[in-house]
Amino acid sequence: MPKKFIIFILIVLPFFQLALLPFVNTIEPRVFGLPFLHFWLILWIVLTPFCTWGIYHLQKSQGGLD
């Protein structure tokens, strides 16, 4: 896959998860004692910086940060 496509996916992924909120808005199942919606939101709070980190390193390897 070209790097630009991967960068595009990493940019869109955190916004796409917002479209899934109506489907994960459930109390059951519970994950780590949290309702699933709360677990989903905390999961994306943790994953979004990794997406940003991946975008940064892909652009840095292309020389786009000079």
C-alpha atoms as a PDB file:
ATOM      1  CA  MET A   1       0.000   0.000   0.000  1.00  0.00           C
ATOM      2  CA  PRO A   2       1.247   3.472  -0.729  1.00  0.00           C
ATOM      3  CA  LYS A   3       2.185   5.572   2.262  1.00  0.00           C
ATOM      4  CA  LYS A   4      -0.318   8.289   1.363  1.00  0.00           C
ATOM      5  CA  PHE A   5      -3.171   5.790   1.594  1.00  0.00           C
ATOM      6  CA  ILE A   6      -1.980   4.625   5.018  1.00  0.00           C
ATOM      7  CA  ILE A   7      -1.743   8.243   6.167  1.00  0.00           C
ATOM      8  CA  PHE A   8      -5.285   8.831   4.910  1.00  0.00           C
ATOM      9  CA  ILE A   9      -6.555   5.789   6.834  1.00  0.00           C
ATOM     10  CA  LEU A  10      -4.799   6.946  10.021  1.00  0.00           C
ATOM     11  CA  ILE A  11      -6.380  10.394   9.660  1.00  0.00           C
ATOM     12  CA  VAL A  12      -9.905   9.104   9.002  1.00  0.00           C
ATOM     13  CA  LEU A  13      -9.906   6.257  11.538  1.00  0.00           C
ATOM     14  CA  PRO A  14     -10.443   8.357  14.695  1.00  0.00           C
ATOM     15  CA  PHE A  15     -13.316  10.233  13.010  1.00  0.00           C
ATOM     16  CA  PHE A  16     -14.874   7.024  11.680  1.00  0.00           C
ATOM     17  CA  GLN A  17     -15.163   5.656  15.202  1.00  0.00           C
ATOM     18  CA  LEU A  18     -17.570   8.505  15.975  1.00  0.00           C
ATOM     19  CA  ALA A  19     -19.948   7.144  13.340  1.00  0.00           C
ATOM     20  CA  LEU A  20     -20.022   3.861  15.240  1.00  0.00           C
ATOM     21  CA  LEU A  21     -21.151   5.430  18.528  1.00  0.00           C
ATOM     22  CA  PRO A  22     -24.858   4.618  18.050  1.00  0.00           C
ATOM     23  CA  PHE A  23     -23.934   0.956  17.599  1.00  0.00           C
ATOM     24  CA  VAL A  24     -21.700   0.733  20.675  1.00  0.00           C
ATOM     25  CA  ASN A  25     -24.071   2.688  22.931  1.00  0.00           C
ATOM     26  CA  THR A  26     -24.879  -0.289  25.128  1.00  0.00           C
ATOM     27  CA  ILE A  27     -24.431  -1.074  28.782  1.00  0.00           C
ATOM     28  CA  GLU A  28     -23.794  -4.765  28.215  1.00  0.00           C
ATOM     29  CA  PRO A  29     -21.240  -6.227  27.678  1.00  0.00           C
ATOM     30  CA  ARG A  30     -19.135  -4.770  30.421  1.00  0.00           C
ATOM     31  CA  VAL A  31     -15.409  -4.527  29.756  1.00  0.00           C
ATOM     32  CA  PHE A  32     -13.132  -4.061  32.771  1.00  0.00           C
ATOM     33  CA  GLY A  33     -16.241  -3.169  34.770  1.00  0.00           C
ATOM     34  CA  LEU A  34     -17.168  -0.324  32.416  1.00  0.00           C
ATOM     35  CA  PRO A  35     -20.214  -0.149  30.171  1.00  0.00           C
ATOM     36  CA  PHE A  36     -19.155  -0.820  26.600  1.00  0.00           C
ATOM     37  CA  LEU A  37     -19.681   2.797  25.491  1.00  0.00           C
ATOM     38  CA  HIS A  38     -17.307   4.096  28.162  1.00  0.00           C
ATOM     39  CA  PHE A  39     -14.743   1.445  27.285  1.00  0.00           C
ATOM     40  CA  TRP A  40     -15.049   2.411  23.581  1.00  0.00           C
ATOM     41  CA  LEU A  41     -14.471   6.096  24.305  1.00  0.00           C
ATOM     42  CA  ILE A  42     -11.468   5.432  26.563  1.00  0.00           C
ATOM     43  CA  LEU A  43     -10.040   3.019  23.988  1.00  0.00           C
ATOM     44  CA  TRP A  44     -10.110   5.722  21.312  1.00  0.00           C
ATOM     45  CA  ILE A  45      -8.652   8.298  23.674  1.00  0.00           C
ATOM     46  CA  VAL A  46      -5.669   5.931  23.915  1.00  0.00           C
ATOM     47  CA  LEU A  47      -5.555   4.915  20.218  1.00  0.00           C
ATOM     48  CA  THR A  48      -5.846   8.383  18.650  1.00  0.00           C
ATOM     49  CA  PRO A  49      -2.341   9.508  19.738  1.00  0.00           C
ATOM     50  CA  PHE A  50      -0.933   6.315  18.178  1.00  0.00           C
ATOM     51  CA  CYS A  51      -2.636   7.244  14.888  1.00  0.00           C
ATOM     52  CA  THR A  52      -1.085  10.718  15.139  1.00  0.00           C
ATOM     53  CA  TRP A  53       2.320   9.199  15.936  1.00  0.00           C
ATOM     54  CA  GLY A  54       2.029   6.926  12.891  1.00  0.00           C
ATOM     55  CA  ILE A  55       1.144   9.862  10.634  1.00  0.00           C
ATOM     56  CA  TYR A  56       4.116  11.831  11.979  1.00  0.00           C
ATOM     57  CA  HIS A  57       6.593   9.021  11.334  1.00  0.00           C
ATOM     58  CA  LEU A  58       5.259   8.266   7.861  1.00  0.00           C
ATOM     59  CA  GLN A  59       5.505  11.915   6.877  1.00  0.00           C
ATOM     60  CA  LYS A  60       8.959  12.186   8.455  1.00  0.00           C
ATOM     61  CA  SER A  61      10.184   9.198   6.414  1.00  0.00           C
ATOM     62  CA  GLN A  62       8.888  10.891   3.235  1.00  0.00           C
ATOM     63  CA  GLY A  63      10.752  14.083   4.098  1.00  0.00           C
ATOM     64  CA  GLY A  64       7.522  16.026   4.481  1.00  0.00           C
ATOM     65  CA  LEU A  65       8.476  17.661   7.773  1.00  0.00           C
ATOM     66  CA  ASP A  66      11.470  19.689   6.616  1.00  0.00           C
END
